[in-house]
Amino acid sequence: MKELGIVDNLEGIQTTFQEIHNLILMCKYPDCKHINEKGCAVLDAMEKGTINKASLENYQKMLREQDRFQSTVAAQELNR
C-alpha cells in the first residue's frame, strides 16, 4: 500500500476500502473504532460475512500507518 502512495492520502484509503468506508458511515457512533462497539455497522457486516476480517485488519493497519506518517511529517515540520 505504501507503494501506491495511499498512506498519506485519506481519500486513497477510502477509495481502496470503499465497502468498509460506506459501512463506517452507517455506524451508530461517529467515533466508532470498529473493534467491539455495539451498533458498529462494520463489525455487523463482518459477522454476516459481507466483508472479511482480513480486509478490516488491512484497513485498520493502513489508518495506523497513515497516523504514523502524519506524525512524522508534523515532527519534521517542527524541526525546520
N, C-alpha and C. Protein backbone atom coordinates (compact mmCIF):
# COMPACT_ATOMS: atom_id res chain seq x y z
N MET A 1 0.82 -1.19 0.00
CA MET A 1 0.00 0.00 0.00
C MET A 1 0.87 1.26 0.00
N LYS A 2 2.00 1.17 0.68
CA LYS A 2 2.89 2.33 0.67
C LYS A 2 3.31 2.66 -0.76
N GLU A 3 3.55 1.59 -1.54
CA GLU A 3 3.98 1.80 -2.92
C GLU A 3 2.92 2.52 -3.74
N LEU A 4 1.67 2.36 -3.36
CA LEU A 4 0.58 3.01 -4.09
C LEU A 4 0.41 4.47 -3.69
N GLY A 5 1.09 4.88 -2.61
CA GLY A 5 1.02 6.27 -2.19
C GLY A 5 -0.26 6.64 -1.47
N ILE A 6 -0.96 5.64 -0.91
CA ILE A 6 -2.21 5.97 -0.25
C ILE A 6 -2.04 6.19 1.25
N VAL A 7 -0.86 5.95 1.77
CA VAL A 7 -0.65 6.11 3.21
C VAL A 7 -0.81 7.57 3.62
N ASP A 8 -0.42 8.48 2.76
CA ASP A 8 -0.50 9.89 3.11
C ASP A 8 -1.75 10.56 2.54
N ASN A 9 -2.73 9.76 2.13
CA ASN A 9 -3.92 10.30 1.49
C ASN A 9 -5.15 9.55 1.97
N LEU A 10 -5.95 10.19 2.83
CA LEU A 10 -7.14 9.55 3.37
C LEU A 10 -8.11 9.15 2.26
N GLU A 11 -8.24 9.96 1.25
CA GLU A 11 -9.14 9.63 0.15
C GLU A 11 -8.70 8.35 -0.56
N GLY A 12 -7.40 8.15 -0.66
CA GLY A 12 -6.88 6.92 -1.27
C GLY A 12 -7.26 5.70 -0.47
N ILE A 13 -7.18 5.81 0.86
CA ILE A 13 -7.58 4.70 1.72
C ILE A 13 -9.07 4.47 1.60
N GLN A 14 -9.84 5.54 1.60
CA GLN A 14 -11.30 5.40 1.48
C GLN A 14 -11.68 4.76 0.15
N THR A 15 -11.00 5.12 -0.91
CA THR A 15 -11.29 4.55 -2.22
C THR A 15 -10.90 3.08 -2.28
N THR A 16 -9.75 2.76 -1.73
CA THR A 16 -9.27 1.38 -1.73
C THR A 16 -10.19 0.47 -0.91
N PHE A 17 -10.68 1.00 0.19
CA PHE A 17 -11.56 0.24 1.08
C PHE A 17 -12.98 0.84 1.05
N GLN A 18 -13.50 1.07 -0.14
CA GLN A 18 -14.79 1.75 -0.32
C GLN A 18 -15.91 1.05 0.43
N GLU A 19 -15.95 -0.27 0.37
CA GLU A 19 -17.02 -1.01 1.04
C GLU A 19 -16.99 -0.77 2.56
N ILE A 20 -15.80 -0.78 3.14
CA ILE A 20 -15.67 -0.53 4.58
C ILE A 20 -16.02 0.92 4.88
N HIS A 21 -15.54 1.83 4.06
CA HIS A 21 -15.83 3.26 4.27
C HIS A 21 -17.34 3.51 4.25
N ASN A 22 -18.06 2.90 3.32
CA ASN A 22 -19.51 3.07 3.25
C ASN A 22 -20.19 2.55 4.52
N LEU A 23 -19.70 1.44 5.05
CA LEU A 23 -20.25 0.88 6.27
C LEU A 23 -19.97 1.79 7.47
N ILE A 24 -18.78 2.39 7.50
CA ILE A 24 -18.41 3.29 8.60
C ILE A 24 -19.42 4.42 8.71
N LEU A 25 -19.90 4.89 7.59
CA LEU A 25 -20.88 5.98 7.60
C LEU A 25 -22.20 5.57 8.25
N MET A 26 -22.42 4.28 8.40
CA MET A 26 -23.66 3.78 8.99
C MET A 26 -23.50 3.37 10.46
N CYS A 27 -22.29 3.53 11.02
CA CYS A 27 -22.07 3.16 12.42
C CYS A 27 -22.91 4.04 13.34
N LYS A 28 -23.29 3.46 14.46
CA LYS A 28 -24.15 4.15 15.42
C LYS A 28 -23.46 5.38 16.00
N TYR A 29 -22.16 5.27 16.26
CA TYR A 29 -21.40 6.36 16.87
C TYR A 29 -20.38 6.92 15.89
N PRO A 30 -20.28 8.24 15.78
CA PRO A 30 -19.34 8.83 14.81
C PRO A 30 -17.87 8.56 15.13
N ASP A 31 -17.56 8.26 16.40
CA ASP A 31 -16.16 7.99 16.77
C ASP A 31 -15.90 6.49 16.94
N CYS A 32 -16.71 5.67 16.31
CA CYS A 32 -16.58 4.22 16.39
C CYS A 32 -15.19 3.79 15.92
N LYS A 33 -14.57 2.89 16.68
CA LYS A 33 -13.23 2.38 16.32
C LYS A 33 -13.32 1.04 15.59
N HIS A 34 -14.52 0.47 15.49
CA HIS A 34 -14.76 -0.77 14.75
C HIS A 34 -13.97 -1.93 15.35
N ILE A 35 -13.95 -1.95 16.69
CA ILE A 35 -13.23 -3.00 17.40
C ILE A 35 -14.20 -3.91 18.14
N ASN A 36 -15.04 -3.30 19.01
CA ASN A 36 -16.00 -4.11 19.77
C ASN A 36 -17.25 -3.31 20.17
N GLU A 37 -17.51 -2.22 19.48
CA GLU A 37 -18.64 -1.35 19.82
C GLU A 37 -19.96 -1.95 19.34
N LYS A 38 -20.96 -1.84 20.20
CA LYS A 38 -22.32 -2.25 19.80
C LYS A 38 -22.85 -1.21 18.81
N GLY A 39 -23.51 -1.67 17.78
CA GLY A 39 -24.04 -0.76 16.78
C GLY A 39 -23.05 -0.42 15.68
N CYS A 40 -21.92 -1.14 15.64
CA CYS A 40 -20.91 -0.91 14.61
C CYS A 40 -21.34 -1.64 13.33
N ALA A 41 -21.60 -0.89 12.29
CA ALA A 41 -22.03 -1.47 11.02
C ALA A 41 -20.93 -2.31 10.39
N VAL A 42 -19.68 -1.94 10.62
CA VAL A 42 -18.55 -2.68 10.06
C VAL A 42 -18.47 -4.07 10.70
N LEU A 43 -18.54 -4.11 12.03
CA LEU A 43 -18.47 -5.40 12.73
C LEU A 43 -19.68 -6.27 12.40
N ASP A 44 -20.84 -5.64 12.29
CA ASP A 44 -22.04 -6.39 11.91
C ASP A 44 -21.86 -7.02 10.53
N ALA A 45 -21.31 -6.27 9.59
CA ALA A 45 -21.08 -6.78 8.23
C ALA A 45 -20.06 -7.92 8.25
N MET A 46 -19.05 -7.79 9.10
CA MET A 46 -18.05 -8.85 9.19
C MET A 46 -18.68 -10.12 9.75
N GLU A 47 -19.52 -9.99 10.77
CA GLU A 47 -20.20 -11.15 11.35
C GLU A 47 -21.12 -11.83 10.34
N LYS A 48 -21.73 -11.03 9.47
CA LYS A 48 -22.65 -11.58 8.46
C LYS A 48 -21.90 -12.11 7.24
N GLY A 49 -20.58 -11.85 7.15
CA GLY A 49 -19.79 -12.33 6.03
C GLY A 49 -19.78 -11.39 4.84
N THR A 50 -20.31 -10.18 5.01
CA THR A 50 -20.31 -9.21 3.91
C THR A 50 -18.91 -8.71 3.60
N ILE A 51 -18.12 -8.51 4.65
CA ILE A 51 -16.70 -8.18 4.48
C ILE A 51 -15.91 -9.20 5.30
N ASN A 52 -14.67 -9.42 4.92
CA ASN A 52 -13.89 -10.39 5.69
C ASN A 52 -12.98 -9.68 6.69
N LYS A 53 -12.59 -10.42 7.68
CA LYS A 53 -11.78 -9.89 8.77
C LYS A 53 -10.45 -9.35 8.25
N ALA A 54 -9.85 -10.01 7.28
CA ALA A 54 -8.56 -9.57 6.75
C ALA A 54 -8.68 -8.18 6.11
N SER A 55 -9.78 -7.91 5.43
CA SER A 55 -9.97 -6.59 4.82
C SER A 55 -10.05 -5.51 5.90
N LEU A 56 -10.80 -5.79 6.96
CA LEU A 56 -10.90 -4.82 8.06
C LEU A 56 -9.55 -4.62 8.72
N GLU A 57 -8.80 -5.69 8.93
CA GLU A 57 -7.47 -5.57 9.54
C GLU A 57 -6.54 -4.76 8.65
N ASN A 58 -6.60 -4.98 7.35
CA ASN A 58 -5.77 -4.20 6.42
C ASN A 58 -6.16 -2.73 6.44
N TYR A 59 -7.44 -2.45 6.49
CA TYR A 59 -7.93 -1.08 6.57
C TYR A 59 -7.40 -0.40 7.83
N GLN A 60 -7.54 -1.08 8.96
CA GLN A 60 -7.08 -0.51 10.23
C GLN A 60 -5.57 -0.33 10.23
N LYS A 61 -4.85 -1.25 9.62
CA LYS A 61 -3.38 -1.13 9.52
C LYS A 61 -3.01 0.11 8.69
N MET A 62 -3.71 0.32 7.59
CA MET A 62 -3.42 1.47 6.75
C MET A 62 -3.69 2.78 7.50
N LEU A 63 -4.75 2.81 8.31
CA LEU A 63 -5.02 4.02 9.10
C LEU A 63 -3.92 4.26 10.12
N ARG A 64 -3.43 3.18 10.75
CA ARG A 64 -2.32 3.34 11.71
C ARG A 64 -1.07 3.86 11.01
N GLU A 65 -0.78 3.31 9.84
CA GLU A 65 0.39 3.76 9.07
C GLU A 65 0.22 5.22 8.65
N GLN A 66 -0.98 5.59 8.29
CA GLN A 66 -1.24 6.98 7.92
C GLN A 66 -1.01 7.90 9.11
N ASP A 67 -1.48 7.50 10.30
CA ASP A 67 -1.26 8.29 11.51
C ASP A 67 0.23 8.46 11.79
N ARG A 68 1.00 7.36 11.66
CA ARG A 68 2.46 7.44 11.87
C ARG A 68 3.10 8.36 10.85
N PHE A 69 2.68 8.25 9.60
CA PHE A 69 3.23 9.10 8.54
C PHE A 69 2.96 10.58 8.85
N GLN A 70 1.72 10.88 9.23
CA GLN A 70 1.38 12.27 9.53
C GLN A 70 2.14 12.79 10.74
N SER A 71 2.34 11.93 11.74
CA SER A 71 3.11 12.33 12.92
C SER A 71 4.56 12.62 12.54
N THR A 72 5.11 11.80 11.68
CA THR A 72 6.49 12.00 11.23
C THR A 72 6.62 13.30 10.45
N VAL A 73 5.69 13.56 9.56
CA VAL A 73 5.71 14.80 8.78
C VAL A 73 5.58 16.00 9.71
N ALA A 74 4.68 15.92 10.67
CA ALA A 74 4.48 17.03 11.61
C ALA A 74 5.75 17.28 12.42
N ALA A 75 6.42 16.22 12.85
CA ALA A 75 7.65 16.36 13.61
C ALA A 75 8.74 17.00 12.77
N GLN A 76 8.81 16.61 11.51
CA GLN A 76 9.80 17.20 10.61
C GLN A 76 9.55 18.69 10.40
N GLU A 77 8.29 19.05 10.31
CA GLU A 77 7.92 20.47 10.13
C GLU A 77 8.34 21.28 11.36
N LEU A 78 8.19 20.71 12.54
CA LEU A 78 8.57 21.41 13.77
C LEU A 78 10.09 21.61 13.86
N ASN A 79 10.85 20.71 13.25
CA ASN A 79 12.31 20.78 13.32
C ASN A 79 12.91 21.71 12.28
N ARG A 80 12.08 22.27 11.44
CA ARG A 80 12.61 23.17 10.39
C ARG A 80 12.82 24.55 10.94
